Amino acid sequence: MSILDAALLYGAPESPYGTAATLTRAFEAQSDPWKRKQSYLESVGMRAGMQALRSDRTAAINMGAEGSVELDFLNKGMGLLLKDMFGSTTGPTLVSGITFDQVHSTTKDGPATSATVQLLKPFVDGSSQAFTYTGCVCTGWELTAEVDKYLKLKADYDSQNESTAVGAGTPVYPATATPFDWTMVSTSSVGGTGIDFKKLSLKADYKMNVDRRFLKTAGLKKQPRIGSLPEYSGELEAEFATLAEYARFVSGAVLVGQFIWIGALIEAGKNFTLTVDLAAMQYTGDTPEVSLSELPKQPLPFKVLHDGTNPAVKFTIRSSDAAL
C-alpha cells in the first residue's frame, strides 16, 4: 500500500449508537481532518520534594473524536451519507425503468442516526493503519458551488470513540459515478425568479449537544442531540444586474429558493439530478459593491427559515441507485 491508497470507508446505520456498523461504502474524501480528543486530569497538592507534576497524578481520558467528510458531490452513491445528514429520508422510490428518486429533508429532531467511519492512513514505508471512528453523528454540513469547480459537500461529525484495534476494511466505490460540475446548473431561482450566480453556499449547523457525559465506566458519552435552535444559512454571489434582489433584502421578503443540477442521462427522458429546495429564505445583506477592477457585484447572504409546514431544506436526488 502507498500514500495513494489512503481511503475513507463508511458504514451505517449503527445499532445501537457507538456499536460499529459494517463498512459498506467508500467515499472519495479530499482531506483527513479526523482527530482524537483527549483530556488530561492533574492532581496537585502540597507534597515535599516535588519538582513538577508527579507522573502518578495525571490521567489521560478519551473524549472521543471529531472530523468531516469533504468530497465532490457524485451523481451516484451519495444516499448513505445524506441519510445521516438529515432528519428524514424517503426512497429510493422507483420512477421508471432504472430510475429512482430519494428525498432527504430537515426535521425538528435533526439527524437521529449514527455511522462508523474508518480512515486508512498509510505509513511512510507503504504499510497502513486503520483508524476507526464509531458513534459518528452529523453536526452540520455545507454545500458549495462555484464557477469552474465541481459541486462540493462537506459533512461534519462528532464521534464517540476512536480505535486503532479494528481491522482495515476493503474500499468499495459506486461504479460509474461522476461529480456534478458548475455547467450542470439548470435552475437557480429565488422567489420564482431566475438568478445568475457565480457562487452558492448553503450550510447547516444543528447546534448539537455533543458532551452528554455522565459518571460511569469508560466515560463514553451518549448520542448527541439538538440542544438549541438549528441554523441554516448561505450566500449567493451575483452580478449587480437590477435592483430586484436588493429590494428584496431591504423589504425582508421571505422567498422560496430552488437550485437544480442536471447530469448525464440515466435512460430516455431521465437524467441524474440534484434538486435543492429552500421553502423559506430571507436575504440578510448586502448593499451592491463597485470597484475599479471588475463589474459591480451583489453579495446576497441569506438565512433559511421554517414556514411551519415544509422542510426548511430538502435534497431530492434522481439516480440509478436502487438502494442507499
C-alpha atoms as a PDB file:
ATOM      1  CA  MET A   1       0.000   0.000   0.000  1.00  0.00           C
ATOM      2  CA  SER A   2       1.260   3.506  -0.840  1.00  0.00           C
ATOM      3  CA  ILE A   3       0.265   7.032   0.143  1.00  0.00           C
ATOM      4  CA  LEU A   4      -2.110   6.906  -2.835  1.00  0.00           C
ATOM      5  CA  ASP A   5      -4.048   4.109  -1.113  1.00  0.00           C
ATOM      6  CA  ALA A   6      -5.420   6.324   1.661  1.00  0.00           C
ATOM      7  CA  ALA A   7      -9.163   5.744   1.915  1.00  0.00           C
ATOM      8  CA  LEU A   8     -12.297   6.632   3.849  1.00  0.00           C
ATOM      9  CA  LEU A   9     -14.828   3.860   4.486  1.00  0.00           C
ATOM     10  CA  TYR A  10     -18.348   4.338   5.800  1.00  0.00           C
ATOM     11  CA  GLY A  11     -20.880   2.066   7.474  1.00  0.00           C
ATOM     12  CA  ALA A  12     -24.426   2.851   8.604  1.00  0.00           C
ATOM     13  CA  PRO A  13     -26.625   2.643  10.489  1.00  0.00           C
ATOM     14  CA  GLU A  14     -25.142   1.754  13.863  1.00  0.00           C
ATOM     15  CA  SER A  15     -27.441  -0.109  16.229  1.00  0.00           C
ATOM     16  CA  PRO A  16     -27.180   0.902  18.965  1.00  0.00           C
ATOM     17  CA  TYR A  17     -25.202   4.146  18.881  1.00  0.00           C
ATOM     18  CA  GLY A  18     -21.474   3.542  19.206  1.00  0.00           C
ATOM     19  CA  THR A  19     -21.609  -0.084  18.024  1.00  0.00           C
ATOM     20  CA  ALA A  20     -19.526  -0.460  14.865  1.00  0.00           C
ATOM     21  CA  ALA A  21     -21.563  -0.886  11.680  1.00  0.00           C
ATOM     22  CA  THR A  22     -20.408  -2.931   8.704  1.00  0.00           C
ATOM     23  CA  LEU A  23     -18.292  -0.786   6.377  1.00  0.00           C
ATOM     24  CA  THR A  24     -20.147  -0.944   3.072  1.00  0.00           C
ATOM     25  CA  ARG A  25     -19.175   2.186   1.131  1.00  0.00           C
ATOM     26  CA  ALA A  26     -16.047   4.203   0.413  1.00  0.00           C
ATOM     27  CA  PHE A  27     -16.140   7.921  -0.353  1.00  0.00           C
ATOM     28  CA  GLU A  28     -13.527   9.927  -2.228  1.00  0.00           C
ATOM     29  CA  ALA A  29     -12.625  12.175   0.700  1.00  0.00           C
ATOM     30  CA  GLN A  30     -10.348  15.094  -0.167  1.00  0.00           C
ATOM     31  CA  SER A  31      -8.884  15.719   3.286  1.00  0.00           C
ATOM     32  CA  ASP A  32      -8.249  13.969   6.597  1.00  0.00           C
ATOM     33  CA  PRO A  33      -9.384  16.210   9.478  1.00  0.00           C
ATOM     34  CA  TRP A  34     -10.349  13.334  11.796  1.00  0.00           C
ATOM     35  CA  LYS A  35      -8.724  13.881  15.185  1.00  0.00           C
ATOM     36  CA  ARG A  36      -8.911  12.224  18.580  1.00  0.00           C
ATOM     37  CA  LYS A  37      -9.895  14.460  21.501  1.00  0.00           C
ATOM     38  CA  GLN A  38      -8.061  13.805  24.743  1.00  0.00           C
ATOM     39  CA  SER A  39      -8.467  15.244  28.241  1.00  0.00           C
ATOM     40  CA  TYR A  40      -5.797  15.167  30.945  1.00  0.00           C
ATOM     41  CA  LEU A  41      -6.628  15.166  34.648  1.00  0.00           C
ATOM     42  CA  GLU A  42      -3.991  16.501  37.020  1.00  0.00           C
ATOM     43  CA  SER A  43      -3.774  16.345  40.791  1.00  0.00           C
ATOM     44  CA  VAL A  44      -1.509  18.776  42.590  1.00  0.00           C
ATOM     45  CA  GLY A  45      -1.217  19.051  46.351  1.00  0.00           C
ATOM     46  CA  MET A  46       1.367  20.148  48.901  1.00  0.00           C
ATOM     47  CA  ARG A  47       3.974  17.408  48.951  1.00  0.00           C
ATOM     48  CA  ALA A  48       7.602  17.858  49.915  1.00  0.00           C
ATOM     49  CA  GLY A  49      10.238  17.327  47.266  1.00  0.00           C
ATOM     50  CA  MET A  50       8.075  17.869  44.148  1.00  0.00           C
ATOM     51  CA  GLN A  51       9.955  19.118  41.071  1.00  0.00           C
ATOM     52  CA  ALA A  52       6.992  19.018  38.695  1.00  0.00           C
ATOM     53  CA  LEU A  53       3.626  17.335  38.381  1.00  0.00           C
ATOM     54  CA  ARG A  54       4.017  13.752  39.608  1.00  0.00           C
ATOM     55  CA  SER A  55       3.746  11.079  36.923  1.00  0.00           C
ATOM     56  CA  ASP A  56       1.246   9.136  39.068  1.00  0.00           C
ATOM     57  CA  ARG A  57      -1.037  12.169  39.443  1.00  0.00           C
ATOM     58  CA  THR A  58      -2.135  12.531  35.839  1.00  0.00           C
ATOM     59  CA  ALA A  59      -4.658  10.548  33.806  1.00  0.00           C
ATOM     60  CA  ALA A  60      -5.436  10.610  30.077  1.00  0.00           C
ATOM     61  CA  ILE A  61      -9.173  10.467  29.322  1.00  0.00           C
ATOM     62  CA  ASN A  62     -10.663   9.527  25.955  1.00  0.00           C
ATOM     63  CA  MET A  63     -13.047  12.307  24.874  1.00  0.00           C
ATOM     64  CA  GLY A  64     -13.947  10.801  21.506  1.00  0.00           C
ATOM     65  CA  ALA A  65     -13.086  12.463  18.225  1.00  0.00           C
ATOM     66  CA  GLU A  66     -14.350  14.794  15.549  1.00  0.00           C
ATOM     67  CA  GLY A  67     -13.891  15.101  11.817  1.00  0.00           C
ATOM     68  CA  SER A  68     -15.552  15.678   8.498  1.00  0.00           C
ATOM     69  CA  VAL A  69     -16.108  14.103   5.108  1.00  0.00           C
ATOM     70  CA  GLU A  70     -15.341  16.506   2.270  1.00  0.00           C
ATOM     71  CA  LEU A  71     -15.827  15.417  -1.330  1.00  0.00           C
ATOM     72  CA  ASP A  72     -17.145  16.283  -4.765  1.00  0.00           C
ATOM     73  CA  PHE A  73     -20.888  15.583  -4.954  1.00  0.00           C
ATOM     74  CA  LEU A  74     -21.307  12.490  -7.125  1.00  0.00           C
ATOM     75  CA  ASN A  75     -24.354  11.581  -9.196  1.00  0.00           C
ATOM     76  CA  LYS A  76     -24.467   8.110  -7.584  1.00  0.00           C
ATOM     77  CA  GLY A  77     -23.801   6.552  -4.197  1.00  0.00           C
ATOM     78  CA  MET A  78     -24.449   9.624  -2.038  1.00  0.00           C
ATOM     79  CA  GLY A  79     -27.626   8.414  -0.319  1.00  0.00           C
ATOM     80  CA  LEU A  80     -25.933   6.565   2.554  1.00  0.00           C
ATOM     81  CA  LEU A  81     -24.060   9.723   3.528  1.00  0.00           C
ATOM     82  CA  LEU A  82     -27.050  12.040   3.090  1.00  0.00           C
ATOM     83  CA  LYS A  83     -29.336   9.851   5.182  1.00  0.00           C
ATOM     84  CA  ASP A  84     -27.163  10.543   8.233  1.00  0.00           C
ATOM     85  CA  MET A  85     -27.011  14.264   7.418  1.00  0.00           C
ATOM     86  CA  PHE A  86     -30.775  14.805   7.528  1.00  0.00           C
ATOM     87  CA  GLY A  87     -33.609  14.004   9.882  1.00  0.00           C
ATOM     88  CA  SER A  88     -35.827  12.322   7.273  1.00  0.00           C
ATOM     89  CA  THR A  89     -35.123  10.131   4.237  1.00  0.00           C
ATOM     90  CA  THR A  90     -37.607   8.543   1.853  1.00  0.00           C
ATOM     91  CA  GLY A  91     -36.813   6.197  -1.005  1.00  0.00           C
ATOM     92  CA  PRO A  92     -35.194   5.256  -3.219  1.00  0.00           C
ATOM     93  CA  THR A  93     -38.566   5.139  -4.961  1.00  0.00           C
ATOM     94  CA  LEU A  94     -38.866   3.704  -8.465  1.00  0.00           C
ATOM     95  CA  VAL A  95     -39.725   6.353 -11.035  1.00  0.00           C
ATOM     96  CA  SER A  96     -39.465   4.152 -14.125  1.00  0.00           C
ATOM     97  CA  GLY A  97     -37.131   1.577 -15.630  1.00  0.00           C
ATOM     98  CA  ILE A  98     -33.833   2.004 -13.753  1.00  0.00           C
ATOM     99  CA  THR A  99     -34.526   5.490 -12.391  1.00  0.00           C
ATOM    100  CA  PHE A 100     -35.080   6.098  -8.667  1.00  0.00           C
ATOM    101  CA  ASP A 101     -35.771   9.159  -6.514  1.00  0.00           C
ATOM    102  CA  GLN A 102     -34.672   9.682  -2.910  1.00  0.00           C
ATOM    103  CA  VAL A 103     -35.584  12.649  -0.716  1.00  0.00           C
ATOM    104  CA  HIS A 104     -33.585  13.909   2.270  1.00  0.00           C
ATOM    105  CA  SER A 105     -35.223  16.572   4.457  1.00  0.00           C
ATOM    106  CA  THR A 106     -34.595  18.526   7.638  1.00  0.00           C
ATOM    107  CA  THR A 107     -36.818  17.846  10.653  1.00  0.00           C
ATOM    108  CA  LYS A 108     -37.268  19.254  14.153  1.00  0.00           C
ATOM    109  CA  ASP A 109     -35.115  16.487  15.658  1.00  0.00           C
ATOM    110  CA  GLY A 110     -32.214  16.643  13.211  1.00  0.00           C
ATOM    111  CA  PRO A 111     -30.044  13.607  12.407  1.00  0.00           C
ATOM    112  CA  ALA A 112     -31.043  10.698  14.637  1.00  0.00           C
ATOM    113  CA  THR A 113     -28.731   8.022  13.233  1.00  0.00           C
ATOM    114  CA  SER A 114     -25.039   7.342  13.734  1.00  0.00           C
ATOM    115  CA  ALA A 115     -22.398   5.862  11.488  1.00  0.00           C
ATOM    116  CA  THR A 116     -18.981   4.222  11.608  1.00  0.00           C
ATOM    117  CA  VAL A 117     -16.136   5.871   9.696  1.00  0.00           C
ATOM    118  CA  GLN A 118     -12.753   4.283   9.043  1.00  0.00           C
ATOM    119  CA  LEU A 119      -9.666   6.090   7.724  1.00  0.00           C
ATOM    120  CA  LEU A 120      -6.915   4.009   6.143  1.00  0.00           C
ATOM    121  CA  LYS A 121      -3.771   6.040   6.787  1.00  0.00           C
ATOM    122  CA  PRO A 122      -0.576   4.859   5.061  1.00  0.00           C
ATOM    123  CA  PHE A 123       2.718   4.862   6.922  1.00  0.00           C
ATOM    124  CA  VAL A 124       5.649   6.391   5.062  1.00  0.00           C
ATOM    125  CA  ASP A 125       7.060   2.915   4.390  1.00  0.00           C
ATOM    126  CA  GLY A 126       3.985   1.897   2.407  1.00  0.00           C
ATOM    127  CA  SER A 127       2.095  -0.115   5.042  1.00  0.00           C
ATOM    128  CA  SER A 128      -1.031   1.333   6.614  1.00  0.00           C
ATOM    129  CA  GLN A 129      -3.047   1.739   9.795  1.00  0.00           C
ATOM    130  CA  ALA A 130      -6.812   1.790  10.138  1.00  0.00           C
ATOM    131  CA  PHE A 131      -8.307   4.445  12.419  1.00  0.00           C
ATOM    132  CA  THR A 132     -11.940   3.596  13.167  1.00  0.00           C
ATOM    133  CA  TYR A 133     -14.457   6.099  14.498  1.00  0.00           C
ATOM    134  CA  THR A 134     -17.723   4.882  15.995  1.00  0.00           C
ATOM    135  CA  GLY A 135     -20.752   6.878  17.104  1.00  0.00           C
ATOM    136  CA  CYS A 136     -20.339   9.389  14.266  1.00  0.00           C
ATOM    137  CA  VAL A 137     -23.249  11.855  14.289  1.00  0.00           C
ATOM    138  CA  CYS A 138     -23.552  14.662  11.748  1.00  0.00           C
ATOM    139  CA  THR A 139     -23.445  18.041  13.487  1.00  0.00           C
ATOM    140  CA  GLY A 140     -23.645  20.171  10.347  1.00  0.00           C
ATOM    141  CA  TRP A 141     -22.807  20.337   6.663  1.00  0.00           C
ATOM    142  CA  GLU A 142     -22.049  22.716   3.803  1.00  0.00           C
ATOM    143  CA  LEU A 143     -22.804  22.555   0.076  1.00  0.00           C
ATOM    144  CA  THR A 144     -20.780  24.856  -2.180  1.00  0.00           C
ATOM    145  CA  ALA A 145     -20.916  25.612  -5.901  1.00  0.00           C
ATOM    146  CA  GLU A 146     -18.667  27.943  -7.837  1.00  0.00           C
ATOM    147  CA  VAL A 147     -17.842  28.719 -11.461  1.00  0.00           C
ATOM    148  CA  ASP A 148     -15.090  26.454 -12.848  1.00  0.00           C
ATOM    149  CA  LYS A 149     -15.415  23.946  -9.993  1.00  0.00           C
ATOM    150  CA  TYR A 150     -17.220  20.755  -9.069  1.00  0.00           C
ATOM    151  CA  LEU A 151     -20.130  20.851  -6.640  1.00  0.00           C
ATOM    152  CA  LYS A 152     -18.706  20.122  -3.178  1.00  0.00           C
ATOM    153  CA  LEU A 153     -20.168  18.723   0.017  1.00  0.00           C
ATOM    154  CA  LYS A 154     -18.643  18.818   3.494  1.00  0.00           C
ATOM    155  CA  ALA A 155     -20.307  16.994   6.398  1.00  0.00           C
ATOM    156  CA  ASP A 156     -19.069  17.490   9.973  1.00  0.00           C
ATOM    157  CA  TYR A 157     -19.204  14.742  12.603  1.00  0.00           C
ATOM    158  CA  ASP A 158     -18.831  14.199  16.310  1.00  0.00           C
ATOM    159  CA  SER A 159     -17.549  10.728  17.227  1.00  0.00           C
ATOM    160  CA  GLN A 160     -17.934   8.796  20.467  1.00  0.00           C
ATOM    161  CA  ASN A 161     -14.703   6.843  20.126  1.00  0.00           C
ATOM    162  CA  GLU A 162     -11.520   6.323  18.095  1.00  0.00           C
ATOM    163  CA  SER A 163      -9.822   2.930  17.828  1.00  0.00           C
ATOM    164  CA  THR A 164      -6.739   1.538  16.095  1.00  0.00           C
ATOM    165  CA  ALA A 165      -7.610  -2.053  17.054  1.00  0.00           C
ATOM    166  CA  VAL A 166     -10.222  -2.633  14.315  1.00  0.00           C
ATOM    167  CA  GLY A 167      -9.017  -4.353  11.157  1.00  0.00           C
ATOM    168  CA  ALA A 168      -8.960  -2.499   7.868  1.00  0.00           C
ATOM    169  CA  GLY A 169     -11.982  -2.784   5.637  1.00  0.00           C
ATOM    170  CA  THR A 170     -11.976  -3.055   1.861  1.00  0.00           C
ATOM    171  CA  PRO A 171     -12.957   0.142  -0.004  1.00  0.00           C
ATOM    172  CA  VAL A 172     -15.990  -0.274  -2.276  1.00  0.00           C
ATOM    173  CA  TYR A 173     -16.887   2.670  -4.504  1.00  0.00           C
ATOM    174  CA  PRO A 174     -20.065   3.279  -6.529  1.00  0.00           C
ATOM    175  CA  ALA A 175     -19.490   2.199 -10.117  1.00  0.00           C
ATOM    176  CA  THR A 176     -19.506   4.738 -12.976  1.00  0.00           C
ATOM    177  CA  ALA A 177     -20.214   7.670 -10.663  1.00  0.00           C
ATOM    178  CA  THR A 178     -19.217  11.182 -11.774  1.00  0.00           C
ATOM    179  CA  PRO A 179     -19.369  14.565  -9.995  1.00  0.00           C
ATOM    180  CA  PHE A 180     -21.828  17.345 -10.732  1.00  0.00           C
ATOM    181  CA  ASP A 181     -19.976  20.366 -12.120  1.00  0.00           C
ATOM    182  CA  TRP A 182     -20.790  24.069 -12.467  1.00  0.00           C
ATOM    183  CA  THR A 183     -22.057  23.732 -16.059  1.00  0.00           C
ATOM    184  CA  MET A 184     -24.851  21.397 -14.899  1.00  0.00           C
ATOM    185  CA  VAL A 185     -26.845  24.063 -13.023  1.00  0.00           C
ATOM    186  CA  SER A 186     -30.126  24.156 -14.936  1.00  0.00           C
ATOM    187  CA  THR A 187     -32.241  26.119 -12.459  1.00  0.00           C
ATOM    188  CA  SER A 188     -31.357  28.764  -9.915  1.00  0.00           C
ATOM    189  CA  SER A 189     -34.403  30.660  -8.781  1.00  0.00           C
ATOM    190  CA  VAL A 190     -35.340  32.801  -5.795  1.00  0.00           C
ATOM    191  CA  GLY A 191     -38.965  33.773  -5.327  1.00  0.00           C
ATOM    192  CA  GLY A 192     -39.790  32.151  -8.659  1.00  0.00           C
ATOM    193  CA  THR A 193     -37.341  34.425 -10.494  1.00  0.00           C
ATOM    194  CA  GLY A 194     -34.223  33.086 -12.164  1.00  0.00           C
ATOM    195  CA  ILE A 195     -30.948  34.493 -10.900  1.00  0.00           C
ATOM    196  CA  ASP A 196     -27.468  34.071 -12.385  1.00  0.00           C
ATOM    197  CA  PHE A 197     -24.977  33.460  -9.627  1.00  0.00           C
ATOM    198  CA  LYS A 198     -21.215  32.929  -9.537  1.00  0.00           C
ATOM    199  CA  LYS A 199     -21.110  31.227  -6.149  1.00  0.00           C
ATOM    200  CA  LEU A 200     -23.565  29.456  -3.894  1.00  0.00           C
ATOM    201  CA  SER A 201     -23.051  28.198  -0.372  1.00  0.00           C
ATOM    202  CA  LEU A 202     -25.613  26.537   1.860  1.00  0.00           C
ATOM    203  CA  LYS A 203     -24.781  25.323   5.335  1.00  0.00           C
ATOM    204  CA  ALA A 204     -26.469  23.698   8.311  1.00  0.00           C
ATOM    205  CA  ASP A 205     -25.481  23.924  11.967  1.00  0.00           C
ATOM    206  CA  TYR A 206     -27.594  21.539  14.020  1.00  0.00           C
ATOM    207  CA  LYS A 207     -26.479  23.027  17.348  1.00  0.00           C
ATOM    208  CA  MET A 208     -25.835  19.564  18.736  1.00  0.00           C
ATOM    209  CA  ASN A 209     -25.059  18.985  22.388  1.00  0.00           C
ATOM    210  CA  VAL A 210     -22.016  16.755  21.885  1.00  0.00           C
ATOM    211  CA  ASP A 211     -20.886  16.487  25.510  1.00  0.00           C
ATOM    212  CA  ARG A 212     -23.529  14.251  27.071  1.00  0.00           C
ATOM    213  CA  ARG A 213     -21.189  12.650  29.608  1.00  0.00           C
ATOM    214  CA  PHE A 214     -22.112  11.018  32.900  1.00  0.00           C
ATOM    215  CA  LEU A 215     -20.338   9.421  35.849  1.00  0.00           C
ATOM    216  CA  LYS A 216     -19.954   5.891  34.543  1.00  0.00           C
ATOM    217  CA  THR A 217     -17.363   3.317  33.489  1.00  0.00           C
ATOM    218  CA  ALA A 218     -15.226   4.322  30.483  1.00  0.00           C
ATOM    219  CA  GLY A 219     -16.841   7.766  30.369  1.00  0.00           C
ATOM    220  CA  LEU A 220     -18.150   7.332  26.840  1.00  0.00           C
ATOM    221  CA  LYS A 221     -20.835   9.901  26.074  1.00  0.00           C
ATOM    222  CA  LYS A 222     -24.415   9.379  24.972  1.00  0.00           C
ATOM    223  CA  GLN A 223     -25.609  10.171  21.467  1.00  0.00           C
ATOM    224  CA  PRO A 224     -25.564  13.908  20.651  1.00  0.00           C
ATOM    225  CA  ARG A 225     -28.926  15.659  20.402  1.00  0.00           C
ATOM    226  CA  ILE A 226     -30.015  19.088  19.234  1.00  0.00           C
ATOM    227  CA  GLY A 227     -29.529  21.480  22.148  1.00  0.00           C
ATOM    228  CA  SER A 228     -30.808  24.748  20.656  1.00  0.00           C
ATOM    229  CA  LEU A 229     -32.432  26.086  17.501  1.00  0.00           C
ATOM    230  CA  PRO A 230     -30.562  24.868  14.387  1.00  0.00           C
ATOM    231  CA  GLU A 231     -29.306  27.421  11.894  1.00  0.00           C
ATOM    232  CA  TYR A 232     -29.420  27.152   8.112  1.00  0.00           C
ATOM    233  CA  SER A 233     -27.706  29.872   6.126  1.00  0.00           C
ATOM    234  CA  GLY A 234     -25.867  30.579   2.923  1.00  0.00           C
ATOM    235  CA  GLU A 235     -24.803  33.098   0.351  1.00  0.00           C
ATOM    236  CA  LEU A 236     -25.293  33.808  -3.325  1.00  0.00           C
ATOM    237  CA  GLU A 237     -22.867  35.965  -5.244  1.00  0.00           C
ATOM    238  CA  ALA A 238     -24.233  37.565  -8.385  1.00  0.00           C
ATOM    239  CA  GLU A 239     -23.551  40.498 -10.669  1.00  0.00           C
ATOM    240  CA  PHE A 240     -25.432  43.700  -9.827  1.00  0.00           C
ATOM    241  CA  ALA A 241     -27.821  43.464 -12.800  1.00  0.00           C
ATOM    242  CA  THR A 242     -31.008  45.014 -11.381  1.00  0.00           C
ATOM    243  CA  LEU A 243     -32.351  46.433  -8.134  1.00  0.00           C
ATOM    244  CA  ALA A 244     -34.671  43.437  -7.646  1.00  0.00           C
ATOM    245  CA  GLU A 245     -32.593  41.390  -5.195  1.00  0.00           C
ATOM    246  CA  TYR A 246     -31.534  44.483  -3.247  1.00  0.00           C
ATOM    247  CA  ALA A 247     -35.207  45.477  -2.900  1.00  0.00           C
ATOM    248  CA  ARG A 248     -35.975  42.021  -1.524  1.00  0.00           C
ATOM    249  CA  PHE A 249     -33.177  42.450   1.010  1.00  0.00           C
ATOM    250  CA  VAL A 250     -34.465  45.854   2.099  1.00  0.00           C
ATOM    251  CA  SER A 251     -38.084  44.677   2.420  1.00  0.00           C
ATOM    252  CA  GLY A 252     -37.155  41.479   4.311  1.00  0.00           C
ATOM    253  CA  ALA A 253     -39.137  39.404   1.826  1.00  0.00           C
ATOM    254  CA  VAL A 254     -39.429  35.685   2.582  1.00  0.00           C
ATOM    255  CA  LEU A 255     -38.841  33.756  -0.635  1.00  0.00           C
ATOM    256  CA  VAL A 256     -38.793  30.222  -1.990  1.00  0.00           C
ATOM    257  CA  GLY A 257     -35.430  29.069  -3.356  1.00  0.00           C
ATOM    258  CA  GLN A 258     -34.663  26.221  -5.736  1.00  0.00           C
ATOM    259  CA  PHE A 259     -31.385  25.078  -7.289  1.00  0.00           C
ATOM    260  CA  ILE A 260     -31.137  22.164  -9.725  1.00  0.00           C
ATOM    261  CA  TRP A 261     -28.139  20.330 -11.192  1.00  0.00           C
ATOM    262  CA  ILE A 262     -28.807  18.026 -14.155  1.00  0.00           C
ATOM    263  CA  GLY A 263     -26.203  15.469 -15.158  1.00  0.00           C
ATOM    264  CA  ALA A 264     -25.895  12.612 -17.622  1.00  0.00           C
ATOM    265  CA  LEU A 265     -28.752  10.541 -18.999  1.00  0.00           C
ATOM    266  CA  ILE A 266     -29.942   7.564 -16.945  1.00  0.00           C
ATOM    267  CA  GLU A 267     -32.470   6.378 -19.515  1.00  0.00           C
ATOM    268  CA  ALA A 268     -34.672   8.056 -22.121  1.00  0.00           C
ATOM    269  CA  GLY A 269     -36.163  11.225 -20.606  1.00  0.00           C
ATOM    270  CA  LYS A 270     -34.481  10.738 -17.205  1.00  0.00           C
ATOM    271  CA  ASN A 271     -31.229  12.343 -16.048  1.00  0.00           C
ATOM    272  CA  PHE A 272     -29.120  12.232 -12.907  1.00  0.00           C
ATOM    273  CA  THR A 273     -30.421  15.222 -10.934  1.00  0.00           C
ATOM    274  CA  LEU A 274     -29.877  17.012  -7.650  1.00  0.00           C
ATOM    275  CA  THR A 275     -32.619  19.419  -6.567  1.00  0.00           C
ATOM    276  CA  VAL A 276     -32.168  21.630  -3.514  1.00  0.00           C
ATOM    277  CA  ASP A 277     -35.369  23.248  -2.215  1.00  0.00           C
ATOM    278  CA  LEU A 278     -35.486  26.010   0.393  1.00  0.00           C
ATOM    279  CA  ALA A 279     -39.084  26.575   1.477  1.00  0.00           C
ATOM    280  CA  ALA A 280     -38.405  29.991   3.021  1.00  0.00           C
ATOM    281  CA  MET A 281     -35.252  32.080   2.645  1.00  0.00           C
ATOM    282  CA  GLN A 282     -34.571  35.705   3.535  1.00  0.00           C
ATOM    283  CA  TYR A 283     -31.675  37.888   2.424  1.00  0.00           C
ATOM    284  CA  THR A 284     -29.630  39.353   5.274  1.00  0.00           C
ATOM    285  CA  GLY A 285     -27.451  41.719   3.128  1.00  0.00           C
ATOM    286  CA  ASP A 286     -25.603  43.379   1.464  1.00  0.00           C
ATOM    287  CA  THR A 287     -25.538  46.609  -0.496  1.00  0.00           C
ATOM    288  CA  PRO A 288     -24.055  46.132  -4.013  1.00  0.00           C
ATOM    289  CA  GLU A 289     -20.315  46.712  -4.381  1.00  0.00           C
ATOM    290  CA  VAL A 290     -18.463  48.555  -7.155  1.00  0.00           C
ATOM    291  CA  SER A 291     -14.752  48.593  -7.875  1.00  0.00           C
ATOM    292  CA  LEU A 292     -12.313  49.873 -10.475  1.00  0.00           C
ATOM    293  CA  SER A 293     -11.189  46.372 -11.476  1.00  0.00           C
ATOM    294  CA  GLU A 294     -14.359  44.326 -12.036  1.00  0.00           C
ATOM    295  CA  LEU A 295     -18.064  44.533 -12.760  1.00  0.00           C
ATOM    296  CA  PRO A 296     -20.346  45.590  -9.898  1.00  0.00           C
ATOM    297  CA  LYS A 297     -21.317  42.565  -7.814  1.00  0.00           C
ATOM    298  CA  GLN A 298     -24.162  41.745  -5.485  1.00  0.00           C
ATOM    299  CA  PRO A 299     -23.326  39.617  -2.425  1.00  0.00           C
ATOM    300  CA  LEU A 300     -26.522  38.024  -1.133  1.00  0.00           C
ATOM    301  CA  PRO A 301     -26.095  36.285   2.228  1.00  0.00           C
ATOM    302  CA  PHE A 302     -29.294  34.660   3.422  1.00  0.00           C
ATOM    303  CA  LYS A 303     -30.818  32.623   6.202  1.00  0.00           C
ATOM    304  CA  VAL A 304     -33.220  29.732   5.754  1.00  0.00           C
ATOM    305  CA  LEU A 305     -36.424  29.869   7.790  1.00  0.00           C
ATOM    306  CA  HIS A 306     -39.191  27.386   8.567  1.00  0.00           C
ATOM    307  CA  ASP A 307     -42.563  28.134   7.005  1.00  0.00           C
ATOM    308  CA  GLY A 308     -44.312  25.916   9.541  1.00  0.00           C
ATOM    309  CA  THR A 309     -45.237  23.251   7.005  1.00  0.00           C
ATOM    310  CA  ASN A 310     -42.455  22.251   4.626  1.00  0.00           C
ATOM    311  CA  PRO A 311     -38.913  21.096   5.438  1.00  0.00           C
ATOM    312  CA  ALA A 312     -36.550  24.042   5.787  1.00  0.00           C
ATOM    313  CA  VAL A 313     -34.110  22.272   3.432  1.00  0.00           C
ATOM    314  CA  LYS A 314     -34.798  19.365   1.091  1.00  0.00           C
ATOM    315  CA  PHE A 315     -32.437  17.484  -1.202  1.00  0.00           C
ATOM    316  CA  THR A 316     -34.027  15.356  -3.948  1.00  0.00           C
ATOM    317  CA  ILE A 317     -31.739  13.014  -5.832  1.00  0.00           C
ATOM    318  CA  ARG A 318     -32.655  11.246  -9.060  1.00  0.00           C
ATOM    319  CA  SER A 319     -30.247   8.462  -9.976  1.00  0.00           C
ATOM    320  CA  SER A 320     -29.952   4.804 -10.840  1.00  0.00           C
ATOM    321  CA  ASP A 321     -29.383   3.866  -7.182  1.00  0.00           C
ATOM    322  CA  ALA A 322     -31.967   1.271  -6.180  1.00  0.00           C
ATOM    323  CA  ALA A 323     -30.677   1.347  -2.591  1.00  0.00           C
ATOM    324  CA  LEU A 324     -28.982   3.889  -0.379  1.00  0.00           C
END
